[in-house]
Amino acid sequence: MLGFSLTKILFTAAIVWAVWYFFIKPKTTPPPPAAGRDNTPQADPPARELAACPSCGVYGPVDERCECGALHGNGHEDGGAQGHRGRDGG
């Protein structure tokens, strides 16, 4: 009728097992942790305030020297922030 035989059933079962073993199983098992590596998440470094260089206009960390030699921060105590007044200046 349909031509089922023990050979065809075993062959089909082997194909199903191979697909499961090589494609589905690796996705469901997590990889083992690497020996000697610390897997704890690292904290991000703290944010640093940036200011424009008074000479060349390049932004860099406040109170650090630019490549041109000038100190970022425009020499202001507030780190170079001069406030934003908008397009109309007021």
C-alpha atoms as a PDB file:
ATOM      1  CA  MET A   1       0.000   0.000   0.000  1.00  0.00           C
ATOM      2  CA  LEU A   2       2.109   2.867   1.204  1.00  0.00           C
ATOM      3  CA  GLY A   3       5.315   0.907   1.063  1.00  0.00           C
ATOM      4  CA  PHE A   4       6.370   1.237   4.701  1.00  0.00           C
ATOM      5  CA  SER A   5       9.304  -0.939   5.515  1.00  0.00           C
ATOM      6  CA  LEU A   6      11.630  -1.204   8.462  1.00  0.00           C
ATOM      7  CA  THR A   7      14.471   0.269   6.411  1.00  0.00           C
ATOM      8  CA  LYS A   8      12.476   3.378   5.447  1.00  0.00           C
ATOM      9  CA  ILE A   9      11.279   3.935   9.026  1.00  0.00           C
ATOM     10  CA  LEU A  10      14.812   3.596  10.443  1.00  0.00           C
ATOM     11  CA  PHE A  11      16.247   5.854   7.737  1.00  0.00           C
ATOM     12  CA  THR A  12      13.602   8.536   8.442  1.00  0.00           C
ATOM     13  CA  ALA A  13      14.234   8.272  12.204  1.00  0.00           C
ATOM     14  CA  ALA A  14      17.987   8.663  11.614  1.00  0.00           C
ATOM     15  CA  ILE A  15      17.439  11.787   9.509  1.00  0.00           C
ATOM     16  CA  VAL A  16      15.129  13.309  12.150  1.00  0.00           C
ATOM     17  CA  TRP A  17      17.670  12.510  14.888  1.00  0.00           C
ATOM     18  CA  ALA A  18      20.554  14.021  12.867  1.00  0.00           C
ATOM     19  CA  VAL A  19      18.638  17.241  12.229  1.00  0.00           C
ATOM     20  CA  TRP A  20      17.725  17.519  15.897  1.00  0.00           C
ATOM     21  CA  TYR A  21      21.243  16.715  17.110  1.00  0.00           C
ATOM     22  CA  PHE A  22      23.174  19.032  14.782  1.00  0.00           C
ATOM     23  CA  PHE A  23      20.793  21.965  14.361  1.00  0.00           C
ATOM     24  CA  ILE A  24      18.346  22.206  17.259  1.00  0.00           C
ATOM     25  CA  LYS A  25      20.316  20.859  20.217  1.00  0.00           C
ATOM     26  CA  PRO A  26      23.295  23.290  19.973  1.00  0.00           C
ATOM     27  CA  LYS A  27      20.923  26.271  20.192  1.00  0.00           C
ATOM     28  CA  THR A  28      19.283  25.053  23.399  1.00  0.00           C
ATOM     29  CA  THR A  29      22.404  24.261  25.442  1.00  0.00           C
ATOM     30  CA  PRO A  30      24.474  27.189  26.712  1.00  0.00           C
ATOM     31  CA  PRO A  31      28.213  27.067  26.113  1.00  0.00           C
ATOM     32  CA  PRO A  32      30.376  26.252  29.136  1.00  0.00           C
ATOM     33  CA  PRO A  33      32.182  29.189  30.733  1.00  0.00           C
ATOM     34  CA  ALA A  34      35.727  29.710  29.542  1.00  0.00           C
ATOM     35  CA  ALA A  35      38.405  28.690  32.004  1.00  0.00           C
ATOM     36  CA  GLY A  36      40.306  31.564  33.551  1.00  0.00           C
ATOM     37  CA  ARG A  37      37.960  34.276  32.264  1.00  0.00           C
ATOM     38  CA  ASP A  38      35.867  36.511  34.464  1.00  0.00           C
ATOM     39  CA  ASN A  39      32.360  36.501  32.990  1.00  0.00           C
ATOM     40  CA  THR A  40      30.916  39.148  35.308  1.00  0.00           C
ATOM     41  CA  PRO A  41      29.571  42.199  33.479  1.00  0.00           C
ATOM     42  CA  GLN A  42      31.875  45.198  33.599  1.00  0.00           C
ATOM     43  CA  ALA A  43      30.588  48.625  34.580  1.00  0.00           C
ATOM     44  CA  ASP A  44      30.798  51.411  32.024  1.00  0.00           C
ATOM     45  CA  PRO A  45      33.327  54.134  32.764  1.00  0.00           C
ATOM     46  CA  PRO A  46      31.788  57.310  34.193  1.00  0.00           C
ATOM     47  CA  ALA A  47      30.645  59.949  31.726  1.00  0.00           C
ATOM     48  CA  ARG A  48      32.973  62.883  31.206  1.00  0.00           C
ATOM     49  CA  GLU A  49      31.949  66.423  30.443  1.00  0.00           C
ATOM     50  CA  LEU A  50      33.170  67.741  27.093  1.00  0.00           C
ATOM     51  CA  ALA A  51      34.028  71.290  26.140  1.00  0.00           C
ATOM     52  CA  ALA A  52      35.159  72.975  22.942  1.00  0.00           C
ATOM     53  CA  CYS A  53      38.779  73.971  22.495  1.00  0.00           C
ATOM     54  CA  PRO A  54      39.064  77.780  22.373  1.00  0.00           C
ATOM     55  CA  SER A  55      41.668  77.589  19.598  1.00  0.00           C
ATOM     56  CA  CYS A  56      40.476  74.956  17.139  1.00  0.00           C
ATOM     57  CA  GLY A  57      36.910  74.167  18.302  1.00  0.00           C
ATOM     58  CA  VAL A  58      37.468  70.412  18.743  1.00  0.00           C
ATOM     59  CA  TYR A  59      35.529  68.924  21.668  1.00  0.00           C
ATOM     60  CA  GLY A  60      37.427  67.065  24.365  1.00  0.00           C
ATOM     61  CA  PRO A  61      37.302  66.288  28.089  1.00  0.00           C
ATOM     62  CA  VAL A  62      37.213  69.345  30.329  1.00  0.00           C
ATOM     63  CA  ASP A  63      40.593  70.300  31.843  1.00  0.00           C
ATOM     64  CA  GLU A  64      42.602  68.220  29.355  1.00  0.00           C
ATOM     65  CA  ARG A  65      44.830  69.686  26.697  1.00  0.00           C
ATOM     66  CA  CYS A  66      43.883  69.563  23.038  1.00  0.00           C
ATOM     67  CA  GLU A  67      46.237  68.441  20.272  1.00  0.00           C
ATOM     68  CA  CYS A  68      46.840  72.108  19.495  1.00  0.00           C
ATOM     69  CA  GLY A  69      48.037  72.675  23.093  1.00  0.00           C
ATOM     70  CA  ALA A  70      45.107  74.716  24.432  1.00  0.00           C
ATOM     71  CA  LEU A  71      43.128  73.646  27.479  1.00  0.00           C
ATOM     72  CA  HIS A  72      39.557  72.490  26.817  1.00  0.00           C
ATOM     73  CA  GLY A  73      36.976  74.363  28.826  1.00  0.00           C
ATOM     74  CA  ASN A  74      37.617  77.876  27.545  1.00  0.00           C
ATOM     75  CA  GLY A  75      39.135  78.807  30.902  1.00  0.00           C
ATOM     76  CA  HIS A  76      35.724  79.072  32.578  1.00  0.00           C
ATOM     77  CA  GLU A  77      35.165  77.630  36.038  1.00  0.00           C
ATOM     78  CA  ASP A  78      31.967  75.895  34.900  1.00  0.00           C
ATOM     79  CA  GLY A  79      33.903  73.711  32.470  1.00  0.00           C
ATOM     80  CA  GLY A  80      33.318  75.814  29.397  1.00  0.00           C
ATOM     81  CA  ALA A  81      29.529  75.798  29.455  1.00  0.00           C
ATOM     82  CA  GLN A  82      28.439  79.271  28.412  1.00  0.00           C
ATOM     83  CA  GLY A  83      24.737  78.606  28.129  1.00  0.00           C
ATOM     84  CA  HIS A  84      22.518  78.358  25.081  1.00  0.00           C
ATOM     85  CA  ARG A  85      20.485  81.402  24.145  1.00  0.00           C
ATOM     86  CA  GLY A  86      18.750  80.095  21.053  1.00  0.00           C
ATOM     87  CA  ARG A  87      18.571  81.601  17.560  1.00  0.00           C
ATOM     88  CA  ASP A  88      17.331  85.022  18.582  1.00  0.00           C
ATOM     89  CA  GLY A  89      20.138  85.516  21.139  1.00  0.00           C
ATOM     90  CA  GLY A  90      17.767  86.032  24.050  1.00  0.00           C
END
